[in-house]
Each structure stands twice: as structure tokens, then as C-alpha cells.
Amino acid sequence: MRLLLDENLPKRLKLNFSEYEVFTVRDMGCSGVKNGELLKLMLINNFTILLTFHKNLQHQQNFSKYTISVIVLNAEINTYSELTKLSPKIRKLLHMNTLSAGPIVISKNQD
């Protein structure tokens, strides 16, 4: 499973998912690429999941044409110390290995 961390996330967050093949947008040389184009590049490069803090992405893209799962991290701020609190929920979701295409919102207050 290949994961891509959006550029709005701290790059060290990828350390929380060491059991997967994880890259940042910067690692891929895609900094500044618009979301629609980024999703296309993800398909070309065999990524299956995008982790992002971009809460409006789910309303701006037509996910019916993509096979990518987008995990939207819903937290007050996008610092490593805050987002790492969501890592256990994300790992649990990833281990289930039954992610559907499109957006999945992960929040601190959800089970």
C-alpha cells in the first residue's frame, strides 16, 4: 500500500506509518501541484491513499473517476503533535484494508 502525505501535513508524520510505503508530496517533486492534477499523478504512480488536512478537497473533486482513498485529518491545527494523535485511528483503518475510493474523514472525537 502506497500512501502520499499532502504538502499541508508535517513531513515527519510519515514516520507514524513505517509499515507502509509512504512519501510526501515534496518527496515526489509535486509541491504546488493542484489537487486534481495530484490525484491523476497518484494514479500514474500507483498510490492508493492520500492523507491530507485539506477539508474542502472532498467537496472540490469528483471522486467517482478515481480509485484513490483520501483520508482527511480533521484536527484544530495541522501540527505534528496534534495530528499524531489521529495516527492510531488511521492505522486501524489502513489495517482493515477495505478502504473505499473517495474521502474518509478522521477526527479526534470519532470512534
PDB file of N, CA and C in Angstrom:
ATOM      1  N   MET A   1       0.849  -1.174   0.000  1.00  0.00           N
ATOM      2  CA  MET A   1       0.000   0.000   0.000  1.00  0.00           C
ATOM      3  C   MET A   1       0.892   1.233   0.000  1.00  0.00           C
ATOM      4  N   ARG A   2       0.657   2.115  -0.961  1.00  0.00           N
ATOM      5  CA  ARG A   2       1.450   3.349  -1.083  1.00  0.00           C
ATOM      6  C   ARG A   2       0.615   4.536  -0.626  1.00  0.00           C
ATOM      7  N   LEU A   3       1.159   5.285   0.332  1.00  0.00           N
ATOM      8  CA  LEU A   3       0.482   6.455   0.885  1.00  0.00           C
ATOM      9  C   LEU A   3       1.233   7.713   0.483  1.00  0.00           C
ATOM     10  N   LEU A   4       0.478   8.766   0.233  1.00  0.00           N
ATOM     11  CA  LEU A   4       1.067  10.061  -0.065  1.00  0.00           C
ATOM     12  C   LEU A   4       0.568  11.062   0.959  1.00  0.00           C
ATOM     13  N   LEU A   5       1.505  11.765   1.602  1.00  0.00           N
ATOM     14  CA  LEU A   5       1.154  12.827   2.544  1.00  0.00           C
ATOM     15  C   LEU A   5       1.104  14.146   1.792  1.00  0.00           C
ATOM     16  N   ASP A   6      -0.019  14.814   1.856  1.00  0.00           N
ATOM     17  CA  ASP A   6      -0.194  16.101   1.191  1.00  0.00           C
ATOM     18  C   ASP A   6       0.784  17.114   1.783  1.00  0.00           C
ATOM     19  N   GLU A   7       1.056  18.157   1.022  1.00  0.00           N
ATOM     20  CA  GLU A   7       2.037  19.146   1.469  1.00  0.00           C
ATOM     21  C   GLU A   7       1.565  19.979   2.646  1.00  0.00           C
ATOM     22  N   ASN A   8       0.295  19.867   3.030  1.00  0.00           N
ATOM     23  CA  ASN A   8      -0.200  20.608   4.188  1.00  0.00           C
ATOM     24  C   ASN A   8      -0.053  19.822   5.487  1.00  0.00           C
ATOM     25  N   LEU A   9       0.648  18.692   5.419  1.00  0.00           N
ATOM     26  CA  LEU A   9       0.917  17.881   6.610  1.00  0.00           C
ATOM     27  C   LEU A   9       2.402  17.933   6.956  1.00  0.00           C
ATOM     28  N   PRO A  10       2.732  17.809   8.242  1.00  0.00           N
ATOM     29  CA  PRO A  10       4.149  17.757   8.620  1.00  0.00           C
ATOM     30  C   PRO A  10       4.794  16.507   8.035  1.00  0.00           C
ATOM     31  N   LYS A  11       5.963  16.669   7.396  1.00  0.00           N
ATOM     32  CA  LYS A  11       6.586  15.536   6.711  1.00  0.00           C
ATOM     33  C   LYS A  11       6.987  14.408   7.660  1.00  0.00           C
ATOM     34  N   ARG A  12       7.253  14.708   8.911  1.00  0.00           N
ATOM     35  CA  ARG A  12       7.642  13.629   9.827  1.00  0.00           C
ATOM     36  C   ARG A  12       6.460  12.747  10.225  1.00  0.00           C
ATOM     37  N   LEU A  13       5.252  13.119   9.833  1.00  0.00           N
ATOM     38  CA  LEU A  13       4.092  12.278  10.086  1.00  0.00           C
ATOM     39  C   LEU A  13       4.242  10.927   9.381  1.00  0.00           C
ATOM     40  N   LYS A  14       5.031  10.901   8.323  1.00  0.00           N
ATOM     41  CA  LYS A  14       5.221   9.632   7.619  1.00  0.00           C
ATOM     42  C   LYS A  14       5.924   8.588   8.490  1.00  0.00           C
ATOM     43  N   LEU A  15       6.633   9.014   9.504  1.00  0.00           N
ATOM     44  CA  LEU A  15       7.282   8.082  10.420  1.00  0.00           C
ATOM     45  C   LEU A  15       6.268   7.271  11.220  1.00  0.00           C
ATOM     46  N   ASN A  16       5.055   7.780  11.349  1.00  0.00           N
ATOM     47  CA  ASN A  16       3.998   7.092  12.088  1.00  0.00           C
ATOM     48  C   ASN A  16       3.418   5.909  11.317  1.00  0.00           C
ATOM     49  N   PHE A  17       3.800   5.775  10.055  1.00  0.00           N
ATOM     50  CA  PHE A  17       3.251   4.722   9.204  1.00  0.00           C
ATOM     51  C   PHE A  17       4.368   3.953   8.508  1.00  0.00           C
ATOM     52  N   SER A  18       5.389   3.608   9.278  1.00  0.00           N
ATOM     53  CA  SER A  18       6.592   2.991   8.717  1.00  0.00           C
ATOM     54  C   SER A  18       6.339   1.613   8.101  1.00  0.00           C
ATOM     55  N   GLU A  19       5.227   0.981   8.450  1.00  0.00           N
ATOM     56  CA  GLU A  19       4.934  -0.329   7.874  1.00  0.00           C
ATOM     57  C   GLU A  19       4.407  -0.230   6.442  1.00  0.00           C
ATOM     58  N   TYR A  20       4.219   0.977   5.954  1.00  0.00           N
ATOM     59  CA  TYR A  20       3.728   1.215   4.600  1.00  0.00           C
ATOM     60  C   TYR A  20       4.777   1.969   3.797  1.00  0.00           C
ATOM     61  N   GLU A  21       4.569   2.009   2.504  1.00  0.00           N
ATOM     62  CA  GLU A  21       5.409   2.795   1.620  1.00  0.00           C
ATOM     63  C   GLU A  21       4.822   4.210   1.607  1.00  0.00           C
ATOM     64  N   VAL A  22       5.489   5.139   2.286  1.00  0.00           N
ATOM     65  CA  VAL A  22       4.940   6.485   2.477  1.00  0.00           C
ATOM     66  C   VAL A  22       5.885   7.519   1.885  1.00  0.00           C
ATOM     67  N   PHE A  23       5.287   8.433   1.123  1.00  0.00           N
ATOM     68  CA  PHE A  23       6.028   9.532   0.521  1.00  0.00           C
ATOM     69  C   PHE A  23       5.299  10.829   0.828  1.00  0.00           C
ATOM     70  N   THR A  24       6.032  11.914   0.801  1.00  0.00           N
ATOM     71  CA  THR A  24       5.403  13.231   0.896  1.00  0.00           C
ATOM     72  C   THR A  24       5.293  13.798  -0.517  1.00  0.00           C
ATOM     73  N   VAL A  25       4.445  14.788  -0.673  1.00  0.00           N
ATOM     74  CA  VAL A  25       4.318  15.458  -1.964  1.00  0.00           C
ATOM     75  C   VAL A  25       5.685  16.004  -2.380  1.00  0.00           C
ATOM     76  N   ARG A  26       6.426  16.526  -1.418  1.00  0.00           N
ATOM     77  CA  ARG A  26       7.769  17.051  -1.707  1.00  0.00           C
ATOM     78  C   ARG A  26       8.695  15.935  -2.185  1.00  0.00           C
ATOM     79  N   ASP A  27       8.634  14.749  -1.546  1.00  0.00           N
ATOM     80  CA  ASP A  27       9.454  13.607  -1.978  1.00  0.00           C
ATOM     81  C   ASP A  27       9.227  13.293  -3.455  1.00  0.00           C
ATOM     82  N   MET A  28       7.988  13.443  -3.898  1.00  0.00           N
ATOM     83  CA  MET A  28       7.605  13.102  -5.267  1.00  0.00           C
ATOM     84  C   MET A  28       7.857  14.240  -6.253  1.00  0.00           C
ATOM     85  N   GLY A  29       8.334  15.382  -5.749  1.00  0.00           N
ATOM     86  CA  GLY A  29       8.590  16.532  -6.613  1.00  0.00           C
ATOM     87  C   GLY A  29       7.315  17.186  -7.115  1.00  0.00           C
ATOM     88  N   CYS A  30       6.253  17.094  -6.315  1.00  0.00           N
ATOM     89  CA  CYS A  30       4.943  17.610  -6.727  1.00  0.00           C
ATOM     90  C   CYS A  30       4.476  18.799  -5.908  1.00  0.00           C
ATOM     91  N   SER A  31       5.371  19.469  -5.228  1.00  0.00           N
ATOM     92  CA  SER A  31       4.971  20.641  -4.433  1.00  0.00           C
ATOM     93  C   SER A  31       4.299  21.663  -5.324  1.00  0.00           C
ATOM     94  N   GLY A  32       3.181  22.208  -4.860  1.00  0.00           N
ATOM     95  CA  GLY A  32       2.470  23.234  -5.597  1.00  0.00           C
ATOM     96  C   GLY A  32       1.522  22.709  -6.666  1.00  0.00           C
ATOM     97  N   VAL A  33       1.491  21.398  -6.873  1.00  0.00           N
ATOM     98  CA  VAL A  33       0.596  20.812  -7.874  1.00  0.00           C
ATOM     99  C   VAL A  33      -0.840  20.888  -7.353  1.00  0.00           C
ATOM    100  N   LYS A  34      -1.754  21.304  -8.192  1.00  0.00           N
ATOM    101  CA  LYS A  34      -3.166  21.409  -7.814  1.00  0.00           C
ATOM    102  C   LYS A  34      -3.744  20.035  -7.518  1.00  0.00           C
ATOM    103  N   ASN A  35      -4.776  19.984  -6.679  1.00  0.00           N
ATOM    104  CA  ASN A  35      -5.323  18.720  -6.192  1.00  0.00           C
ATOM    105  C   ASN A  35      -5.785  17.773  -7.286  1.00  0.00           C
ATOM    106  N   GLY A  36      -6.494  18.272  -8.293  1.00  0.00           N
ATOM    107  CA  GLY A  36      -6.960  17.403  -9.377  1.00  0.00           C
ATOM    108  C   GLY A  36      -5.799  16.759 -10.111  1.00  0.00           C
ATOM    109  N   GLU A  37      -4.782  17.532 -10.379  1.00  0.00           N
ATOM    110  CA  GLU A  37      -3.590  17.014 -11.055  1.00  0.00           C
ATOM    111  C   GLU A  37      -2.838  16.046 -10.142  1.00  0.00           C
ATOM    112  N   LEU A  38      -2.792  16.349  -8.856  1.00  0.00           N
ATOM    113  CA  LEU A  38      -2.125  15.469  -7.895  1.00  0.00           C
ATOM    114  C   LEU A  38      -2.798  14.097  -7.857  1.00  0.00           C
ATOM    115  N   LEU A  39      -4.114  14.068  -7.881  1.00  0.00           N
ATOM    116  CA  LEU A  39      -4.834  12.796  -7.883  1.00  0.00           C
ATOM    117  C   LEU A  39      -4.504  11.983  -9.133  1.00  0.00           C
ATOM    118  N   LYS A  40      -4.383  12.641 -10.268  1.00  0.00           N
ATOM    119  CA  LYS A  40      -4.004  11.951 -11.509  1.00  0.00           C
ATOM    120  C   LYS A  40      -2.590  11.384 -11.406  1.00  0.00           C
ATOM    121  N   LEU A  41      -1.675  12.175 -10.852  1.00  0.00           N
ATOM    122  CA  LEU A  41      -0.294  11.712 -10.678  1.00  0.00           C
ATOM    123  C   LEU A  41      -0.221  10.537  -9.703  1.00  0.00           C
ATOM    124  N   MET A  42      -1.082  10.555  -8.702  1.00  0.00           N
ATOM    125  CA  MET A  42      -1.120   9.442  -7.755  1.00  0.00           C
ATOM    126  C   MET A  42      -1.497   8.155  -8.467  1.00  0.00           C
ATOM    127  N   LEU A  43      -2.470   8.211  -9.353  1.00  0.00           N
ATOM    128  CA  LEU A  43      -2.872   7.019 -10.104  1.00  0.00           C
ATOM    129  C   LEU A  43      -1.730   6.498 -10.968  1.00  0.00           C
ATOM    130  N   ILE A  44      -1.052   7.410 -11.649  1.00  0.00           N
ATOM    131  CA  ILE A  44       0.068   7.035 -12.517  1.00  0.00           C
ATOM    132  C   ILE A  44       1.169   6.365 -11.709  1.00  0.00           C
ATOM    133  N   ASN A  45       1.393   6.838 -10.467  1.00  0.00           N
ATOM    134  CA  ASN A  45       2.474   6.331  -9.629  1.00  0.00           C
ATOM    135  C   ASN A  45       2.021   5.261  -8.633  1.00  0.00           C
ATOM    136  N   ASN A  46       0.844   4.696  -8.866  1.00  0.00           N
ATOM    137  CA  ASN A  46       0.324   3.568  -8.075  1.00  0.00           C
ATOM    138  C   ASN A  46       0.131   3.854  -6.589  1.00  0.00           C
ATOM    139  N   PHE A  47      -0.246   5.083  -6.256  1.00  0.00           N
ATOM    140  CA  PHE A  47      -0.608   5.396  -4.878  1.00  0.00           C
ATOM    141  C   PHE A  47      -2.066   5.006  -4.671  1.00  0.00           C
ATOM    142  N   THR A  48      -2.384   4.561  -3.465  1.00  0.00           N
ATOM    143  CA  THR A  48      -3.756   4.165  -3.173  1.00  0.00           C
ATOM    144  C   THR A  48      -4.430   5.095  -2.170  1.00  0.00           C
ATOM    145  N   ILE A  49      -3.620   5.833  -1.386  1.00  0.00           N
ATOM    146  CA  ILE A  49      -4.191   6.670  -0.327  1.00  0.00           C
ATOM    147  C   ILE A  49      -3.473   8.012  -0.259  1.00  0.00           C
ATOM    148  N   LEU A  50      -4.281   9.064  -0.132  1.00  0.00           N
ATOM    149  CA  LEU A  50      -3.768  10.407   0.122  1.00  0.00           C
ATOM    150  C   LEU A  50      -4.192  10.798   1.527  1.00  0.00           C
ATOM    151  N   LEU A  51      -3.243  11.214   2.339  1.00  0.00           N
ATOM    152  CA  LEU A  51      -3.535  11.787   3.656  1.00  0.00           C
ATOM    153  C   LEU A  51      -3.442  13.295   3.503  1.00  0.00           C
ATOM    154  N   THR A  52      -4.465  14.011   3.950  1.00  0.00           N
ATOM    155  CA  THR A  52      -4.477  15.459   3.780  1.00  0.00           C
ATOM    156  C   THR A  52      -5.158  16.144   4.957  1.00  0.00           C
ATOM    157  N   PHE A  53      -4.893  17.422   5.081  1.00  0.00           N
ATOM    158  CA  PHE A  53      -5.554  18.269   6.063  1.00  0.00           C
ATOM    159  C   PHE A  53      -6.556  19.177   5.349  1.00  0.00           C
ATOM    160  N   HIS A  54      -6.649  19.039   4.041  1.00  0.00           N
ATOM    161  CA  HIS A  54      -7.476  19.879   3.181  1.00  0.00           C
ATOM    162  C   HIS A  54      -8.940  19.459   3.310  1.00  0.00           C
ATOM    163  N   LYS A  55      -9.666  20.124   4.172  1.00  0.00           N
ATOM    164  CA  LYS A  55     -11.044  19.731   4.487  1.00  0.00           C
ATOM    165  C   LYS A  55     -12.029  19.973   3.345  1.00  0.00           C
ATOM    166  N   ASN A  56     -11.727  20.870   2.432  1.00  0.00           N
ATOM    167  CA  ASN A  56     -12.638  21.151   1.325  1.00  0.00           C
ATOM    168  C   ASN A  56     -12.393  20.276   0.106  1.00  0.00           C
ATOM    169  N   LEU A  57     -11.316  19.508   0.113  1.00  0.00           N
ATOM    170  CA  LEU A  57     -10.987  18.656  -1.024  1.00  0.00           C
ATOM    171  C   LEU A  57     -12.147  17.735  -1.386  1.00  0.00           C
ATOM    172  N   GLN A  58     -12.800  17.209  -0.383  1.00  0.00           N
ATOM    173  CA  GLN A  58     -13.904  16.278  -0.628  1.00  0.00           C
ATOM    174  C   GLN A  58     -15.072  16.929  -1.353  1.00  0.00           C
ATOM    175  N   HIS A  59     -15.162  18.242  -1.311  1.00  0.00           N
ATOM    176  CA  HIS A  59     -16.239  18.962  -1.982  1.00  0.00           C
ATOM    177  C   HIS A  59     -15.788  19.558  -3.320  1.00  0.00           C
ATOM    178  N   GLN A  60     -14.478  19.520  -3.579  1.00  0.00           N
ATOM    179  CA  GLN A  60     -13.942  20.153  -4.775  1.00  0.00           C
ATOM    180  C   GLN A  60     -13.609  19.175  -5.886  1.00  0.00           C
ATOM    181  N   GLN A  61     -13.561  17.888  -5.576  1.00  0.00           N
ATOM    182  CA  GLN A  61     -13.164  16.898  -6.567  1.00  0.00           C
ATOM    183  C   GLN A  61     -14.277  15.888  -6.807  1.00  0.00           C
ATOM    184  N   ASN A  62     -14.333  15.374  -8.015  1.00  0.00           N
ATOM    185  CA  ASN A  62     -15.274  14.316  -8.365  1.00  0.00           C
ATOM    186  C   ASN A  62     -14.553  12.978  -8.183  1.00  0.00           C
ATOM    187  N   PHE A  63     -14.773  12.339  -7.060  1.00  0.00           N
ATOM    188  CA  PHE A  63     -14.036  11.119  -6.737  1.00  0.00           C
ATOM    189  C   PHE A  63     -14.546   9.884  -7.469  1.00  0.00           C
ATOM    190  N   SER A  64     -15.624  10.006  -8.202  1.00  0.00           N
ATOM    191  CA  SER A  64     -16.137   8.847  -8.923  1.00  0.00           C
ATOM    192  C   SER A  64     -15.187   8.412 -10.037  1.00  0.00           C
ATOM    193  N   LYS A  65     -14.283   9.284 -10.471  1.00  0.00           N
ATOM    194  CA  LYS A  65     -13.348   8.913 -11.530  1.00  0.00           C
ATOM    195  C   LYS A  65     -11.976   8.487 -11.003  1.00  0.00           C
ATOM    196  N   TYR A  66     -11.828   8.388  -9.686  1.00  0.00           N
ATOM    197  CA  TYR A  66     -10.556   7.977  -9.086  1.00  0.00           C
ATOM    198  C   TYR A  66     -10.748   6.729  -8.228  1.00  0.00           C
ATOM    199  N   THR A  67      -9.707   5.935  -8.117  1.00  0.00           N
ATOM    200  CA  THR A  67      -9.743   4.746  -7.266  1.00  0.00           C
ATOM    201  C   THR A  67      -8.947   4.979  -5.985  1.00  0.00           C
ATOM    202  N   ILE A  68      -8.735   6.214  -5.653  1.00  0.00           N
ATOM    203  CA  ILE A  68      -7.902   6.605  -4.517  1.00  0.00           C
ATOM    204  C   ILE A  68      -8.767   6.911  -3.303  1.00  0.00           C
ATOM    205  N   SER A  69      -8.315   6.441  -2.146  1.00  0.00           N
ATOM    206  CA  SER A  69      -8.939   6.824  -0.882  1.00  0.00           C
ATOM    207  C   SER A  69      -8.238   8.073  -0.378  1.00  0.00           C
ATOM    208  N   VAL A  70      -9.008   9.014   0.101  1.00  0.00           N
ATOM    209  CA  VAL A  70      -8.452  10.264   0.630  1.00  0.00           C
ATOM    210  C   VAL A  70      -8.840  10.352   2.095  1.00  0.00           C
ATOM    211  N   ILE A  71      -7.842  10.264   2.958  1.00  0.00           N
ATOM    212  CA  ILE A  71      -8.089  10.356   4.394  1.00  0.00           C
ATOM    213  C   ILE A  71      -7.868  11.809   4.806  1.00  0.00           C
ATOM    214  N   VAL A  72      -8.962  12.445   5.198  1.00  0.00           N
ATOM    215  CA  VAL A  72      -8.930  13.855   5.600  1.00  0.00           C
ATOM    216  C   VAL A  72      -8.777  13.904   7.112  1.00  0.00           C
ATOM    217  N   LEU A  73      -7.683  14.484   7.569  1.00  0.00           N
ATOM    218  CA  LEU A  73      -7.414  14.579   9.002  1.00  0.00           C
ATOM    219  C   LEU A  73      -8.087  15.836   9.540  1.00  0.00           C
ATOM    220  N   ASN A  74      -9.022  15.627  10.427  1.00  0.00           N
ATOM    221  CA  ASN A  74      -9.808  16.726  10.979  1.00  0.00           C
ATOM    222  C   ASN A  74      -9.311  17.019  12.394  1.00  0.00           C
ATOM    223  N   ALA A  75      -8.527  18.077  12.518  1.00  0.00           N
ATOM    224  CA  ALA A  75      -7.980  18.496  13.811  1.00  0.00           C
ATOM    225  C   ALA A  75      -7.994  20.024  13.849  1.00  0.00           C
ATOM    226  N   GLU A  76      -7.786  20.561  15.040  1.00  0.00           N
ATOM    227  CA  GLU A  76      -7.800  22.020  15.181  1.00  0.00           C
ATOM    228  C   GLU A  76      -6.672  22.690  14.404  1.00  0.00           C
ATOM    229  N   ILE A  77      -5.481  22.092  14.458  1.00  0.00           N
ATOM    230  CA  ILE A  77      -4.329  22.626  13.733  1.00  0.00           C
ATOM    231  C   ILE A  77      -3.554  21.461  13.122  1.00  0.00           C
ATOM    232  N   ASN A  78      -2.733  21.758  12.141  1.00  0.00           N
ATOM    233  CA  ASN A  78      -2.015  20.692  11.455  1.00  0.00           C
ATOM    234  C   ASN A  78      -0.558  20.553  11.912  1.00  0.00           C
ATOM    235  N   THR A  79      -0.353  20.573  13.211  1.00  0.00           N
ATOM    236  CA  THR A  79       0.979  20.343  13.757  1.00  0.00           C
ATOM    237  C   THR A  79       1.179  18.846  13.983  1.00  0.00           C
ATOM    238  N   TYR A  80       2.423  18.439  14.000  1.00  0.00           N
ATOM    239  CA  TYR A  80       2.724  17.029  14.219  1.00  0.00           C
ATOM    240  C   TYR A  80       2.153  16.547  15.550  1.00  0.00           C
ATOM    241  N   SER A  81       2.329  17.336  16.596  1.00  0.00           N
ATOM    242  CA  SER A  81       1.860  16.911  17.924  1.00  0.00           C
ATOM    243  C   SER A  81       0.344  16.705  17.959  1.00  0.00           C
ATOM    244  N   GLU A  82      -0.386  17.463  17.177  1.00  0.00           N
ATOM    245  CA  GLU A  82      -1.847  17.312  17.133  1.00  0.00           C
ATOM    246  C   GLU A  82      -2.265  16.166  16.204  1.00  0.00           C
ATOM    247  N   LEU A  83      -1.667  16.105  15.038  1.00  0.00           N
ATOM    248  CA  LEU A  83      -2.069  15.097  14.052  1.00  0.00           C
ATOM    249  C   LEU A  83      -1.634  13.683  14.421  1.00  0.00           C
ATOM    250  N   THR A  84      -0.540  13.572  15.158  1.00  0.00           N
ATOM    251  CA  THR A  84      -0.073  12.239  15.546  1.00  0.00           C
ATOM    252  C   THR A  84      -1.084  11.551  16.469  1.00  0.00           C
ATOM    253  N   LYS A  85      -1.937  12.330  17.111  1.00  0.00           N
ATOM    254  CA  LYS A  85      -2.991  11.758  17.954  1.00  0.00           C
ATOM    255  C   LYS A  85      -4.012  10.976  17.117  1.00  0.00           C
ATOM    256  N   LEU A  86      -4.094  11.281  15.833  1.00  0.00           N
ATOM    257  CA  LEU A  86      -5.019  10.588  14.939  1.00  0.00           C
ATOM    258  C   LEU A  86      -4.403   9.324  14.323  1.00  0.00           C
ATOM    259  N   SER A  87      -3.097   9.157  14.478  1.00  0.00           N
ATOM    260  CA  SER A  87      -2.398   8.034  13.846  1.00  0.00           C
ATOM    261  C   SER A  87      -2.960   6.663  14.212  1.00  0.00           C
ATOM    262  N   PRO A  88      -3.298   6.383  15.470  1.00  0.00           N
ATOM    263  CA  PRO A  88      -3.868   5.060  15.776  1.00  0.00           C
ATOM    264  C   PRO A  88      -5.164   4.788  15.006  1.00  0.00           C
ATOM    265  N   LYS A  89      -5.994   5.793  14.841  1.00  0.00           N
ATOM    266  CA  LYS A  89      -7.249   5.620  14.090  1.00  0.00           C
ATOM    267  C   LYS A  89      -6.966   5.380  12.612  1.00  0.00           C
ATOM    268  N   ILE A  90      -5.977   6.078  12.095  1.00  0.00           N
ATOM    269  CA  ILE A  90      -5.612   5.908  10.692  1.00  0.00           C
ATOM    270  C   ILE A  90      -5.036   4.512  10.474  1.00  0.00           C
ATOM    271  N   ARG A  91      -4.115   4.089  11.349  1.00  0.00           N
ATOM    272  CA  ARG A  91      -3.525   2.749  11.225  1.00  0.00           C
ATOM    273  C   ARG A  91      -4.591   1.667  11.301  1.00  0.00           C
ATOM    274  N   LYS A  92      -5.549   1.826  12.201  1.00  0.00           N
ATOM    275  CA  LYS A  92      -6.639   0.857  12.324  1.00  0.00           C
ATOM    276  C   LYS A  92      -7.417   0.769  11.007  1.00  0.00           C
ATOM    277  N   LEU A  93      -7.697   1.906  10.432  1.00  0.00           N
ATOM    278  CA  LEU A  93      -8.398   1.960   9.156  1.00  0.00           C
ATOM    279  C   LEU A  93      -7.573   1.303   8.047  1.00  0.00           C
ATOM    280  N   LEU A  94      -6.286   1.580   8.012  1.00  0.00           N
ATOM    281  CA  LEU A  94      -5.409   1.002   6.996  1.00  0.00           C
ATOM    282  C   LEU A  94      -5.290  -0.514   7.151  1.00  0.00           C
ATOM    283  N   HIS A  95      -5.232  -0.996   8.376  1.00  0.00           N
ATOM    284  CA  HIS A  95      -5.114  -2.442   8.620  1.00  0.00           C
ATOM    285  C   HIS A  95      -6.363  -3.194   8.198  1.00  0.00           C
ATOM    286  N   MET A  96      -7.497  -2.527   8.190  1.00  0.00           N
ATOM    287  CA  MET A  96      -8.735  -3.177   7.762  1.00  0.00           C
ATOM    288  C   MET A  96      -8.671  -3.500   6.272  1.00  0.00           C
ATOM    289  N   ASN A  97      -7.880  -2.735   5.537  1.00  0.00           N
ATOM    290  CA  ASN A  97      -7.623  -2.985   4.126  1.00  0.00           C
ATOM    291  C   ASN A  97      -8.899  -3.037   3.269  1.00  0.00           C
ATOM    292  N   THR A  98      -9.929  -2.321   3.693  1.00  0.00           N
ATOM    293  CA  THR A  98     -11.181  -2.288   2.935  1.00  0.00           C
ATOM    294  C   THR A  98     -11.611  -0.848   2.677  1.00  0.00           C
ATOM    295  N   LEU A  99     -10.663  -0.001   2.376  1.00  0.00           N
ATOM    296  CA  LEU A  99     -10.964   1.401   2.144  1.00  0.00           C
ATOM    297  C   LEU A  99     -11.675   1.592   0.810  1.00  0.00           C
ATOM    298  N   SER A 100     -12.682   2.422   0.819  1.00  0.00           N
ATOM    299  CA  SER A 100     -13.369   2.738  -0.423  1.00  0.00           C
ATOM    300  C   SER A 100     -12.725   3.969  -1.044  1.00  0.00           C
ATOM    301  N   ALA A 101     -12.948   4.136  -2.324  1.00  0.00           N
ATOM    302  CA  ALA A 101     -12.435   5.317  -3.014  1.00  0.00           C
ATOM    303  C   ALA A 101     -13.191   6.544  -2.512  1.00  0.00           C
ATOM    304  N   GLY A 102     -12.492   7.669  -2.499  1.00  0.00           N
ATOM    305  CA  GLY A 102     -13.102   8.908  -2.064  1.00  0.00           C
ATOM    306  C   GLY A 102     -12.689   9.301  -0.671  1.00  0.00           C
ATOM    307  N   PRO A 103     -13.312  10.341  -0.145  1.00  0.00           N
ATOM    308  CA  PRO A 103     -12.889  10.903   1.138  1.00  0.00           C
ATOM    309  C   PRO A 103     -13.397  10.123   2.355  1.00  0.00           C
ATOM    310  N   ILE A 104     -12.518  10.039   3.341  1.00  0.00           N
ATOM    311  CA  ILE A 104     -12.837   9.453   4.646  1.00  0.00           C
ATOM    312  C   ILE A 104     -12.307  10.436   5.676  1.00  0.00           C
ATOM    313  N   VAL A 105     -13.161  10.985   6.509  1.00  0.00           N
ATOM    314  CA  VAL A 105     -12.750  11.980   7.495  1.00  0.00           C
ATOM    315  C   VAL A 105     -12.421  11.288   8.808  1.00  0.00           C
ATOM    316  N   ILE A 106     -11.250  11.597   9.356  1.00  0.00           N
ATOM    317  CA  ILE A 106     -10.809  11.064  10.645  1.00  0.00           C
ATOM    318  C   ILE A 106     -10.719  12.224  11.636  1.00  0.00           C
ATOM    319  N   SER A 107     -11.452  12.107  12.735  1.00  0.00           N
ATOM    320  CA  SER A 107     -11.465  13.148  13.761  1.00  0.00           C
ATOM    321  C   SER A 107     -11.054  12.565  15.105  1.00  0.00           C
ATOM    322  N   LYS A 108     -10.591  13.431  15.975  1.00  0.00           N
ATOM    323  CA  LYS A 108     -10.187  13.026  17.311  1.00  0.00           C
ATOM    324  C   LYS A 108     -11.374  12.466  18.099  1.00  0.00           C
ATOM    325  N   ASN A 109     -12.542  13.016  17.907  1.00  0.00           N
ATOM    326  CA  ASN A 109     -13.706  12.645  18.711  1.00  0.00           C
ATOM    327  C   ASN A 109     -14.499  11.462  18.169  1.00  0.00           C
ATOM    328  N   GLN A 110     -14.114  10.915  17.035  1.00  0.00           N
ATOM    329  CA  GLN A 110     -14.855   9.793  16.484  1.00  0.00           C
ATOM    330  C   GLN A 110     -14.241   8.485  16.948  1.00  0.00           C
ATOM    331  N   ASP A 111     -15.041   7.433  16.957  1.00  0.00           N
ATOM    332  CA  ASP A 111     -14.534   6.111  17.356  1.00  0.00           C
ATOM    333  C   ASP A 111     -14.042   5.331  16.173  1.00  0.00           C
TER     334      ASP A 111
END
